[in-house]
């Protein structure tokens, strides 16, 4: 397929898997990954990431020497904003939330 596109002078390249990207020495040398990004803190005693766990994430693109960006945290924990969304967006009250917890619909 790539050969046909190139023969037709269509700019094209392969789509690489995350593993292939992470293994690319040139991408690593150019700072295309933020390695060791800390997980968010646990909220309300909910299960989450282990304290010592870190993540490798794609860095900000493009990588600029004068104003480099950096990913500071790995994002919210699974379910961290569930109650906020259910209350604020859907208008659920305490009794409805308690019932959802009892039925194990939410944690």
Protein backbone atom coordinates (compact mmCIF):
# COMPACT_ATOMS: atom_id res chain seq x y z
CA UNK A 1 0.00 0.00 0.00
CA UNK A 2 2.76 2.47 0.92
CA UNK A 3 4.50 1.72 -2.36
CA UNK A 4 1.36 2.62 -4.33
CA UNK A 5 0.98 5.87 -2.42
CA UNK A 6 4.63 6.78 -2.94
CA UNK A 7 4.38 5.91 -6.66
CA UNK A 8 1.44 8.33 -6.86
CA UNK A 9 3.59 10.94 -5.05
CA UNK A 10 1.28 10.94 -2.01
CA UNK A 11 3.19 11.74 1.20
CA UNK A 12 2.64 8.69 3.41
CA UNK A 13 4.33 6.64 6.07
CA UNK A 14 3.58 3.67 8.29
CA UNK A 15 1.50 4.01 11.44
CA UNK A 16 3.70 2.84 14.29
CA UNK A 17 2.56 1.10 17.44
CA UNK A 18 3.17 2.68 20.85
CA UNK A 19 5.84 0.04 21.52
CA UNK A 20 7.65 0.90 18.29
CA UNK A 21 7.56 4.60 19.16
CA UNK A 22 8.90 4.02 22.68
CA UNK A 23 11.74 1.89 21.30
CA UNK A 24 12.82 4.55 18.78
CA UNK A 25 16.17 5.92 19.98
CA UNK A 26 15.85 9.10 17.91
CA UNK A 27 12.48 9.97 19.45
CA UNK A 28 13.87 9.35 22.95
CA UNK A 29 16.96 11.46 22.21
CA UNK A 30 14.76 14.31 20.95
CA UNK A 31 12.77 14.31 24.22
CA UNK A 32 9.52 13.10 22.70
CA UNK A 33 8.48 11.32 25.91
CA UNK A 34 7.97 12.48 29.49
CA UNK A 35 9.38 9.60 31.52
CA UNK A 36 8.50 9.14 35.17
CA UNK A 37 5.33 11.22 35.25
CA UNK A 38 3.83 10.87 38.72
CA UNK A 39 0.32 9.60 39.19
CA UNK A 40 -2.29 11.89 40.74
CA UNK A 41 -2.73 11.69 44.51
CA UNK A 42 -5.37 9.33 45.80
CA UNK A 43 -8.64 11.13 46.46
CA UNK A 44 -10.98 10.15 49.26
CA UNK A 45 -9.29 6.83 49.92
CA UNK A 46 -10.39 5.45 46.56
CA UNK A 47 -8.22 2.75 45.00
CA UNK A 48 -5.81 4.06 42.42
CA UNK A 49 -2.25 4.03 41.28
CA UNK A 50 0.52 2.83 43.59
CA UNK A 51 2.53 5.71 45.05
CA UNK A 52 5.75 4.49 43.44
CA UNK A 53 4.17 3.92 40.02
CA UNK A 54 5.23 6.22 37.17
CA UNK A 55 4.20 6.55 33.55
CA UNK A 56 5.89 7.31 30.25
CA UNK A 57 3.69 9.62 28.20
CA UNK A 58 4.10 11.44 24.88
CA UNK A 59 5.72 14.82 25.45
CA UNK A 60 4.32 18.11 24.27
CA UNK A 61 4.75 18.49 20.53
CA UNK A 62 6.55 20.14 18.99
CA UNK A 63 9.53 19.96 21.34
CA UNK A 64 10.84 23.52 21.62
CA UNK A 65 14.22 24.36 23.16
CA UNK A 66 13.27 27.85 24.40
CA UNK A 67 9.86 27.01 25.86
CA UNK A 68 9.72 23.27 26.47
CA UNK A 69 6.48 21.82 27.79
CA UNK A 70 6.23 19.01 30.29
CA UNK A 71 3.50 16.68 31.50
CA UNK A 72 3.38 17.10 35.26
CA UNK A 73 0.85 14.40 36.17
CA UNK A 74 -0.85 11.42 34.56
CA UNK A 75 -4.41 12.75 34.80
CA UNK A 76 -7.30 12.04 37.14
CA UNK A 77 -7.86 8.68 38.71
CA UNK A 78 -10.58 6.42 37.37
CA UNK A 79 -13.82 7.66 38.92
CA UNK A 80 -12.21 10.69 40.58
CA UNK A 81 -14.88 13.06 39.19
CA UNK A 82 -17.82 10.64 39.15
CA UNK A 83 -19.72 12.21 42.03
CA UNK A 84 -19.04 15.75 40.81
CA UNK A 85 -20.43 14.88 37.36
CA UNK A 86 -23.44 12.96 38.67
CA UNK A 87 -24.35 15.80 41.04
CA UNK A 88 -23.55 18.75 38.80
CA UNK A 89 -24.51 17.49 35.35
CA UNK A 90 -27.28 15.03 36.17
CA UNK A 91 -28.57 16.62 39.38
CA UNK A 92 -28.43 13.41 41.43
CA UNK A 93 -28.83 13.82 45.19
CA UNK A 94 -27.24 12.05 48.14
CA UNK A 95 -29.87 9.29 48.25
CA UNK A 96 -29.48 8.48 44.57
CA UNK A 97 -25.68 8.39 44.90
CA UNK A 98 -25.95 6.14 47.96
CA UNK A 99 -28.20 3.77 46.01
CA UNK A 100 -25.75 3.65 43.09
CA UNK A 101 -22.96 2.79 45.55
CA UNK A 102 -25.07 0.13 47.23
CA UNK A 103 -25.83 -1.40 43.83
CA UNK A 104 -22.10 -1.18 43.01
CA UNK A 105 -22.77 0.96 39.96
CA UNK A 106 -20.20 3.49 41.24
CA UNK A 107 -17.41 3.16 43.81
